[in-house]
Amino acid sequence: MNTKLHAVTDADGRPIRFFMTAGQVSDYTGAAALLDSLPSAEWLLADRGYDADWFRDALKDKGIKPCIPGRKSRGKPVKYDKRRYKRRNRIEIMFGRLKDWRRVATRYDRCPKVFLSAVALAATVMFWL
């Protein structure tokens, strides 16, 4: 069993929303699911898995500037703020801190809903209490 966890965080790296997809599903699915729940922000930092023209256009329609590097397969390179992109490490740090919880790190739960609830509980305790 393989799953991907997609997350939206605030500027301090605290998680706001999670969405889980199957491991073999493209990141575009997670991007589409999280798009409606994005808070108002000036920038959105994401890894190159979220690089799609429709996603960039949807962000611009919401008034959010995308800071997403282009995929290797993209014909024409996309410009992005490399200095700002370095702040994306806060998201990776958040995922690393979530794995401090043994239940999240070892994934005892087979059911994705139960695992997602364990992740949400861990995130609430670690970042919001």
Protein backbone atom coordinates (compact mmCIF):
# COMPACT_ATOMS: atom_id res chain seq x y z
CA MET A 1 0.00 0.00 0.00
CA ASN A 2 1.36 3.35 -1.02
CA THR A 3 -0.01 6.84 -0.35
CA LYS A 4 1.10 10.45 -0.77
CA LEU A 5 0.35 13.12 1.76
CA HIS A 6 -0.22 16.63 0.37
CA ALA A 7 -0.24 19.58 2.76
CA VAL A 8 -0.88 23.30 2.85
CA THR A 9 1.04 25.21 5.51
CA ASP A 10 1.19 28.79 6.65
CA ALA A 11 4.32 30.93 6.41
CA ASP A 12 5.63 29.50 9.69
CA GLY A 13 5.37 25.91 8.46
CA ARG A 14 2.29 25.01 10.52
CA PRO A 15 -0.07 22.69 8.63
CA ILE A 16 -3.48 24.04 7.65
CA ARG A 17 -4.89 21.23 5.51
CA PHE A 18 -3.95 17.70 4.49
CA PHE A 19 -5.06 15.60 1.56
CA MET A 20 -4.06 12.01 0.85
CA THR A 21 -3.86 10.32 -2.55
CA ALA A 22 -2.74 6.93 -3.76
CA GLY A 23 1.01 6.71 -4.25
CA GLN A 24 0.87 6.19 -8.00
CA VAL A 25 -1.42 9.20 -8.57
CA SER A 26 0.08 12.39 -9.98
CA ASP A 27 0.63 15.41 -7.74
CA TYR A 28 -1.85 17.27 -9.95
CA THR A 29 -4.68 15.41 -8.20
CA GLY A 30 -3.55 16.70 -4.82
CA ALA A 31 -3.11 20.18 -6.24
CA ALA A 32 -6.65 20.22 -7.61
CA ALA A 33 -8.08 19.00 -4.30
CA LEU A 34 -6.23 21.58 -2.21
CA LEU A 35 -6.82 24.49 -4.59
CA ASP A 36 -10.26 25.41 -3.26
CA SER A 37 -9.12 25.48 0.36
CA LEU A 38 -6.06 27.68 -0.11
CA PRO A 39 -6.01 30.61 2.29
CA SER A 40 -5.39 34.10 0.99
CA ALA A 41 -1.66 34.44 0.46
CA GLU A 42 0.74 36.37 -1.67
CA TRP A 43 2.91 33.39 -2.71
CA LEU A 44 2.55 29.63 -2.99
CA LEU A 45 5.73 27.56 -2.78
CA ALA A 46 5.53 24.05 -4.20
CA ASP A 47 7.90 21.45 -5.59
CA ARG A 48 8.18 20.67 -9.27
CA GLY A 49 5.59 17.90 -9.05
CA TYR A 50 2.93 20.63 -8.95
CA ASP A 51 4.21 22.34 -12.10
CA ALA A 52 1.29 22.62 -14.52
CA ASP A 53 0.01 25.52 -16.57
CA TRP A 54 -3.58 25.03 -15.38
CA PHE A 55 -2.42 25.11 -11.73
CA ARG A 56 -0.37 28.26 -12.28
CA ASP A 57 -3.34 29.93 -14.01
CA ALA A 58 -5.70 28.91 -11.18
CA LEU A 59 -3.32 30.40 -8.62
CA LYS A 60 -3.08 33.64 -10.59
CA ASP A 61 -6.89 33.80 -10.76
CA LYS A 62 -6.93 33.62 -6.94
CA GLY A 63 -4.33 36.40 -6.74
CA ILE A 64 -1.52 34.08 -5.59
CA LYS A 65 1.90 34.18 -7.21
CA PRO A 66 3.32 30.70 -7.88
CA CYS A 67 6.90 29.91 -6.90
CA ILE A 68 7.21 26.49 -8.52
CA PRO A 69 10.25 25.29 -10.47
CA GLY A 70 9.53 23.77 -13.85
CA ARG A 71 9.61 20.05 -14.52
CA LYS A 72 12.57 18.66 -16.41
CA SER A 73 10.27 17.63 -19.27
CA ARG A 74 8.93 21.17 -19.75
CA GLY A 75 10.03 22.52 -23.10
CA LYS A 76 10.45 26.16 -22.11
CA PRO A 77 11.93 26.81 -18.64
CA VAL A 78 9.71 28.65 -16.17
CA LYS A 79 11.03 31.56 -14.15
CA TYR A 80 10.63 31.39 -10.39
CA ASP A 81 12.13 33.20 -7.41
CA LYS A 82 14.98 30.91 -6.34
CA ARG A 83 15.65 32.90 -3.19
CA ARG A 84 12.04 32.64 -2.07
CA TYR A 85 11.90 28.96 -3.06
CA LYS A 86 14.52 28.17 -0.41
CA ARG A 87 11.83 28.85 2.21
CA ARG A 88 10.06 25.69 1.08
CA ASN A 89 12.27 23.80 3.51
CA ARG A 90 9.74 24.74 6.21
CA ILE A 91 7.28 22.34 4.61
CA GLU A 92 9.87 19.57 4.54
CA ILE A 93 10.71 20.29 8.18
CA MET A 94 7.00 20.00 9.02
CA PHE A 95 6.85 16.56 7.38
CA GLY A 96 10.00 15.55 9.27
CA ARG A 97 8.54 16.68 12.59
CA LEU A 98 5.37 14.73 11.91
CA LYS A 99 7.50 11.62 11.61
CA ASP A 100 8.68 12.16 15.19
CA TRP A 101 5.39 10.51 16.09
CA ARG A 102 5.95 6.79 15.91
CA ARG A 103 2.46 6.05 14.62
CA VAL A 104 2.97 8.42 11.69
CA ALA A 105 6.55 7.34 10.95
CA THR A 106 5.93 3.58 10.90
CA ARG A 107 2.39 3.67 9.53
CA TYR A 108 0.68 0.95 11.54
CA ASP A 109 -2.70 1.75 9.98
CA ARG A 110 -3.69 0.08 6.74
CA CYS A 111 -6.77 2.23 6.22
CA PRO A 112 -5.84 5.62 4.70
CA LYS A 113 -8.60 7.42 6.61
CA VAL A 114 -7.29 6.18 9.94
CA PHE A 115 -3.74 7.14 9.00
CA LEU A 116 -4.87 10.60 7.89
CA SER A 117 -6.63 11.10 11.22
CA ALA A 118 -3.42 10.09 13.04
CA VAL A 119 -1.49 12.65 10.98
CA ALA A 120 -4.09 15.32 11.76
CA LEU A 121 -3.93 14.52 15.48
CA ALA A 122 -0.13 14.64 15.48
CA ALA A 123 -0.13 17.94 13.58
CA THR A 124 -2.67 19.49 15.94
CA VAL A 125 -0.73 18.53 19.04
CA MET A 126 2.69 19.44 17.64
CA PHE A 127 1.91 22.70 15.89
CA TRP A 128 -1.28 24.17 17.31
CA LEU A 129 -1.37 23.33 21.04
